[in-house]
N, C-alpha and C. Protein backbone atom coordinates (compact mmCIF):
# COMPACT_ATOMS: atom_id res chain seq x y z
N MET A 1 -22.35 29.63 -41.57
CA MET A 1 -21.35 30.46 -41.18
C MET A 1 -21.58 30.92 -39.79
N LYS A 2 -22.81 31.37 -39.45
CA LYS A 2 -23.25 31.85 -38.08
C LYS A 2 -22.84 30.70 -36.99
N ARG A 3 -23.13 29.40 -37.36
CA ARG A 3 -22.78 28.43 -36.33
C ARG A 3 -21.13 28.50 -35.92
N ILE A 4 -20.31 28.67 -36.98
CA ILE A 4 -18.89 28.61 -36.90
C ILE A 4 -18.50 29.75 -36.01
N ARG A 5 -19.14 31.03 -36.26
CA ARG A 5 -18.61 32.15 -35.67
C ARG A 5 -18.87 31.96 -34.09
N LEU A 6 -20.23 31.31 -33.70
CA LEU A 6 -20.70 31.24 -32.47
C LEU A 6 -19.71 30.19 -31.69
N ILE A 7 -19.29 29.09 -32.38
CA ILE A 7 -18.48 28.18 -31.60
C ILE A 7 -17.04 28.84 -31.27
N GLU A 8 -16.59 29.69 -32.21
CA GLU A 8 -15.38 30.44 -31.97
C GLU A 8 -15.51 31.39 -30.70
N GLU A 9 -16.68 31.83 -30.56
CA GLU A 9 -16.95 32.85 -29.44
C GLU A 9 -17.28 32.18 -27.95
N VAL A 10 -17.32 30.82 -27.88
CA VAL A 10 -17.64 30.15 -26.70
C VAL A 10 -16.85 30.61 -25.42
N SER A 11 -15.61 30.85 -25.71
CA SER A 11 -14.62 31.28 -24.58
C SER A 11 -15.06 32.66 -24.13
N ARG A 12 -15.98 33.38 -24.93
CA ARG A 12 -16.36 34.75 -24.59
C ARG A 12 -17.67 34.99 -24.01
N ILE A 13 -18.40 33.92 -23.84
CA ILE A 13 -19.68 33.80 -23.41
C ILE A 13 -19.72 33.73 -21.98
N THR A 14 -20.29 34.78 -21.27
CA THR A 14 -20.20 34.88 -19.80
C THR A 14 -21.57 34.15 -19.32
N HIS A 15 -22.68 34.43 -19.84
CA HIS A 15 -23.93 33.62 -19.47
C HIS A 15 -24.86 33.46 -20.55
N LEU A 16 -25.90 32.88 -20.36
CA LEU A 16 -27.04 32.69 -21.36
C LEU A 16 -28.38 32.92 -20.62
N SER A 17 -29.22 33.65 -21.19
CA SER A 17 -30.52 33.82 -20.59
C SER A 17 -31.63 33.55 -21.50
N GLY A 18 -32.58 32.62 -21.05
CA GLY A 18 -33.71 32.14 -21.77
C GLY A 18 -34.75 33.19 -21.99
N GLU A 19 -35.43 33.34 -23.16
CA GLU A 19 -36.52 34.13 -23.30
C GLU A 19 -37.37 33.30 -24.18
N ALA A 20 -38.50 32.64 -23.66
CA ALA A 20 -39.27 31.79 -24.19
C ALA A 20 -38.49 30.73 -25.18
N ASN A 21 -38.75 30.77 -26.45
CA ASN A 21 -38.05 29.93 -27.59
C ASN A 21 -36.67 30.55 -27.96
N TYR A 22 -36.30 31.52 -27.29
CA TYR A 22 -34.96 32.28 -27.88
C TYR A 22 -34.05 32.24 -26.60
N THR A 23 -32.78 32.35 -27.06
CA THR A 23 -31.82 32.43 -25.91
C THR A 23 -30.86 33.70 -26.21
N ARG A 24 -30.72 34.58 -25.35
CA ARG A 24 -29.89 35.70 -25.36
C ARG A 24 -28.45 35.20 -24.83
N ILE A 25 -27.44 35.46 -25.85
CA ILE A 25 -26.07 35.00 -25.35
C ILE A 25 -25.39 36.21 -25.15
N HIS A 26 -24.96 36.29 -23.78
CA HIS A 26 -24.16 37.52 -23.35
C HIS A 26 -22.61 37.30 -23.45
N LEU A 27 -22.03 38.14 -24.37
CA LEU A 27 -20.56 38.08 -24.40
C LEU A 27 -19.89 38.86 -23.64
N ALA A 28 -18.57 38.81 -23.41
CA ALA A 28 -17.77 39.57 -22.40
C ALA A 28 -17.49 40.91 -22.88
N SER A 29 -17.25 41.07 -24.15
CA SER A 29 -16.91 42.58 -24.76
C SER A 29 -17.61 42.77 -26.11
N SER A 30 -18.70 42.32 -26.38
CA SER A 30 -19.42 42.45 -27.36
C SER A 30 -20.89 42.59 -27.07
N PRO A 31 -21.72 43.04 -28.21
CA PRO A 31 -23.13 43.21 -27.98
C PRO A 31 -23.64 41.59 -27.89
N ASP A 32 -24.73 41.51 -27.22
CA ASP A 32 -25.55 40.25 -26.91
C ASP A 32 -25.95 39.70 -28.33
N LEU A 33 -26.09 38.42 -28.34
CA LEU A 33 -26.58 37.73 -29.57
C LEU A 33 -27.84 37.05 -29.16
N ILE A 34 -28.83 37.05 -30.01
CA ILE A 34 -30.16 36.15 -29.76
C ILE A 34 -30.20 35.02 -30.77
N VAL A 35 -30.37 33.71 -30.41
CA VAL A 35 -30.49 32.57 -31.15
C VAL A 35 -31.94 31.94 -31.01
N CYS A 36 -32.42 31.41 -31.97
CA CYS A 36 -33.67 30.80 -31.99
C CYS A 36 -33.64 29.35 -31.59
N LYS A 37 -33.29 29.13 -30.32
CA LYS A 37 -33.09 27.96 -29.44
C LYS A 37 -33.51 28.09 -28.19
N THR A 38 -34.01 27.12 -27.50
CA THR A 38 -34.20 27.16 -26.11
C THR A 38 -33.07 27.05 -25.22
N LEU A 39 -33.14 27.60 -24.07
CA LEU A 39 -31.94 27.48 -23.01
C LEU A 39 -31.31 26.20 -22.91
N SER A 40 -32.47 25.34 -22.74
CA SER A 40 -31.82 23.88 -22.58
C SER A 40 -31.16 23.22 -23.81
N MET A 41 -31.51 23.64 -25.01
CA MET A 41 -30.73 23.25 -26.18
C MET A 41 -29.51 23.80 -26.22
N CYS A 42 -29.34 25.15 -25.77
CA CYS A 42 -28.08 25.85 -25.88
C CYS A 42 -27.16 25.12 -24.96
N VAL A 43 -27.56 24.89 -23.68
CA VAL A 43 -26.69 24.41 -22.55
C VAL A 43 -26.28 22.98 -22.97
N ASP A 44 -27.14 22.22 -23.72
CA ASP A 44 -26.76 20.87 -24.20
C ASP A 44 -25.53 21.13 -25.18
N GLU A 45 -25.60 21.87 -26.03
CA GLU A 45 -24.62 22.01 -27.14
C GLU A 45 -23.24 22.86 -26.45
N LEU A 46 -23.36 23.44 -25.37
CA LEU A 46 -22.12 24.08 -24.83
C LEU A 46 -21.62 23.50 -23.53
N PRO A 47 -20.60 22.66 -23.74
CA PRO A 47 -20.26 21.86 -22.68
C PRO A 47 -19.47 22.82 -21.40
N GLY A 48 -19.87 22.38 -20.13
CA GLY A 48 -19.27 22.96 -18.93
C GLY A 48 -20.12 24.19 -18.67
N PHE A 49 -21.22 24.59 -19.34
CA PHE A 49 -21.99 25.47 -18.81
C PHE A 49 -22.89 24.95 -17.50
N VAL A 50 -23.11 25.77 -16.63
CA VAL A 50 -24.02 25.42 -15.51
C VAL A 50 -25.23 26.06 -15.38
N ARG A 51 -26.37 25.24 -15.44
CA ARG A 51 -27.79 25.79 -15.44
C ARG A 51 -27.87 26.20 -13.98
N ILE A 52 -28.24 27.54 -13.59
CA ILE A 52 -28.45 27.99 -12.22
C ILE A 52 -30.03 28.36 -12.03
N HIS A 53 -30.78 28.36 -13.10
CA HIS A 53 -32.05 29.01 -12.79
C HIS A 53 -32.88 28.57 -14.24
N LYS A 54 -34.15 28.64 -13.99
CA LYS A 54 -35.06 28.43 -15.19
C LYS A 54 -34.61 29.20 -16.41
N LYS A 55 -34.19 30.49 -15.92
CA LYS A 55 -33.98 31.47 -17.09
C LYS A 55 -32.43 31.57 -17.19
N TYR A 56 -31.62 31.08 -16.48
CA TYR A 56 -29.94 31.36 -16.66
C TYR A 56 -29.23 30.28 -16.67
N ALA A 57 -28.21 30.23 -17.32
CA ALA A 57 -26.99 29.38 -17.26
C ALA A 57 -25.66 30.06 -17.38
N ILE A 58 -24.57 29.72 -16.72
CA ILE A 58 -23.47 30.51 -16.59
C ILE A 58 -22.25 29.84 -17.08
N ASN A 59 -21.30 30.55 -17.61
CA ASN A 59 -20.11 29.88 -18.04
C ASN A 59 -19.10 30.05 -16.72
N PRO A 60 -18.75 28.79 -16.21
CA PRO A 60 -18.08 28.78 -15.01
C PRO A 60 -16.71 29.71 -14.97
N LYS A 61 -16.15 29.87 -16.29
CA LYS A 61 -14.85 30.57 -16.21
C LYS A 61 -15.05 31.93 -15.87
N PHE A 62 -16.24 32.58 -16.05
CA PHE A 62 -16.66 33.99 -15.43
C PHE A 62 -17.30 34.05 -14.16
N PHE A 63 -17.26 32.96 -13.57
CA PHE A 63 -18.07 33.09 -12.18
C PHE A 63 -16.90 33.85 -11.23
N GLN A 64 -17.49 34.72 -10.45
CA GLN A 64 -16.68 35.55 -9.40
C GLN A 64 -16.92 35.14 -8.20
N LYS A 65 -18.16 34.87 -7.70
CA LYS A 65 -18.59 34.56 -6.32
C LYS A 65 -19.80 34.29 -6.14
N ALA A 66 -20.34 33.51 -5.00
CA ALA A 66 -21.73 33.11 -4.77
C ALA A 66 -22.03 34.09 -3.49
N ILE A 67 -23.18 34.66 -3.62
CA ILE A 67 -23.52 35.46 -2.51
C ILE A 67 -24.79 34.93 -1.82
N LEU A 68 -24.92 34.58 -0.59
CA LEU A 68 -25.95 33.97 0.18
C LEU A 68 -26.80 35.00 0.68
N VAL A 69 -28.21 35.09 0.18
CA VAL A 69 -29.08 36.07 0.63
C VAL A 69 -29.72 35.62 1.86
N ASP A 70 -30.20 34.37 2.07
CA ASP A 70 -30.39 33.80 3.25
C ASP A 70 -30.25 32.39 3.21
N ASN A 71 -30.67 31.53 4.03
CA ASN A 71 -30.29 30.15 4.14
C ASN A 71 -30.96 29.31 2.84
N LYS A 72 -31.91 29.83 2.21
CA LYS A 72 -32.55 29.15 1.09
C LYS A 72 -32.26 29.90 -0.32
N THR A 73 -31.65 31.10 -0.31
CA THR A 73 -31.62 31.71 -1.63
C THR A 73 -30.38 32.17 -1.64
N ALA A 74 -29.72 32.36 -3.13
CA ALA A 74 -28.34 32.75 -3.13
C ALA A 74 -28.44 33.38 -4.74
N ASN A 75 -27.46 34.25 -4.87
CA ASN A 75 -27.17 34.92 -6.23
C ASN A 75 -25.66 34.53 -6.46
N VAL A 76 -25.35 34.70 -7.77
CA VAL A 76 -23.92 34.53 -8.12
C VAL A 76 -23.58 35.85 -9.10
N LEU A 77 -22.39 36.01 -8.81
CA LEU A 77 -21.70 37.25 -9.48
C LEU A 77 -21.00 36.65 -10.76
N VAL A 78 -21.50 37.10 -12.02
CA VAL A 78 -20.77 36.57 -13.17
C VAL A 78 -20.52 37.91 -14.00
N SER A 79 -19.20 38.18 -14.07
CA SER A 79 -18.69 39.36 -14.91
C SER A 79 -19.63 40.47 -14.40
N ASP A 80 -19.58 40.73 -13.08
CA ASP A 80 -20.14 41.93 -12.52
C ASP A 80 -21.62 42.07 -12.65
N LYS A 81 -22.21 41.18 -13.11
CA LYS A 81 -23.79 40.87 -13.21
C LYS A 81 -24.17 39.94 -11.89
N VAL A 82 -25.19 40.33 -11.29
CA VAL A 82 -25.82 39.46 -10.11
C VAL A 82 -26.95 38.69 -10.80
N LEU A 83 -26.97 37.35 -10.86
CA LEU A 83 -27.84 36.40 -11.26
C LEU A 83 -28.41 35.49 -10.20
N PRO A 84 -29.73 35.36 -10.22
CA PRO A 84 -30.22 34.43 -9.06
C PRO A 84 -29.90 32.96 -9.24
N ILE A 85 -29.82 32.17 -8.21
CA ILE A 85 -29.91 30.79 -8.33
C ILE A 85 -31.12 30.21 -7.85
N SER A 86 -31.87 29.39 -8.50
CA SER A 86 -33.22 29.14 -8.06
C SER A 86 -32.96 28.13 -6.72
N ARG A 87 -33.93 28.09 -5.93
CA ARG A 87 -33.88 27.36 -4.61
C ARG A 87 -33.49 25.96 -4.81
N ARG A 88 -34.40 25.59 -5.90
CA ARG A 88 -34.32 23.87 -6.19
C ARG A 88 -33.11 23.59 -6.75
N ARG A 89 -32.33 24.44 -7.26
CA ARG A 89 -30.88 24.02 -7.67
C ARG A 89 -29.77 24.44 -6.97
N LEU A 90 -30.05 25.06 -5.61
CA LEU A 90 -29.02 26.01 -4.99
C LEU A 90 -27.82 24.79 -4.58
N LYS A 91 -28.19 23.79 -3.89
CA LYS A 91 -26.87 22.79 -3.51
C LYS A 91 -26.24 22.34 -4.62
N GLU A 92 -26.99 21.82 -5.70
CA GLU A 92 -26.33 21.45 -6.76
C GLU A 92 -25.43 22.34 -7.68
N VAL A 93 -25.98 23.49 -7.85
CA VAL A 93 -25.09 24.50 -8.35
C VAL A 93 -23.84 25.00 -7.48
N LEU A 94 -24.11 25.23 -6.13
CA LEU A 94 -22.87 25.40 -5.44
C LEU A 94 -21.84 24.39 -5.35
N ALA A 95 -22.28 23.25 -5.46
CA ALA A 95 -21.43 21.91 -5.43
C ALA A 95 -20.71 21.90 -6.84
N ASP A 96 -21.37 22.09 -7.79
CA ASP A 96 -20.66 22.19 -9.19
C ASP A 96 -19.70 23.21 -9.28
N LEU A 97 -20.13 24.52 -8.90
CA LEU A 97 -19.21 25.71 -9.07
C LEU A 97 -18.02 25.47 -8.04
N TRP A 98 -18.18 24.67 -6.93
CA TRP A 98 -17.06 24.47 -5.97
C TRP A 98 -16.02 23.52 -6.66
N ARG A 99 -16.65 22.43 -7.17
CA ARG A 99 -15.82 21.42 -7.85
C ARG A 99 -14.95 21.93 -8.92
N ILE A 100 -15.77 22.73 -9.86
CA ILE A 100 -14.98 23.18 -11.10
C ILE A 100 -13.94 24.26 -10.69
N ASN A 101 -14.12 25.10 -9.56
CA ASN A 101 -13.04 26.11 -9.26
C ASN A 101 -12.00 25.34 -8.40
N SER A 102 -12.22 24.31 -7.83
CA SER A 102 -11.19 23.50 -7.23
C SER A 102 -10.29 22.77 -8.28
N LEU A 103 -10.73 22.54 -9.35
CA LEU A 103 -9.96 21.96 -10.43
C LEU A 103 -9.10 22.83 -11.09
N ASN A 104 -9.46 24.13 -11.04
CA ASN A 104 -8.66 25.03 -11.74
C ASN A 104 -7.50 25.68 -10.90
């Protein structure tokens, strides 16, 4: 039953944060949920989510803007929360978010 409930709430998930072997699911207007799966497993099960950092993945529907800190680091604003983009993923994440936003 829990899995069905979670699938129905995918459109309300703003972002995911990994905490060792658990993932915290941040919802738009509800308390956070914690599942006993790694962040990688959750991202594989949730199509369209963009991995931005070792600890974070975002739902592009809630992406507001990218904030460049300097030429090698950036943050994203997702539902009024600032999340870091890893330096290694910076170009790929910005390209993915630009592509997704241009399709909408």
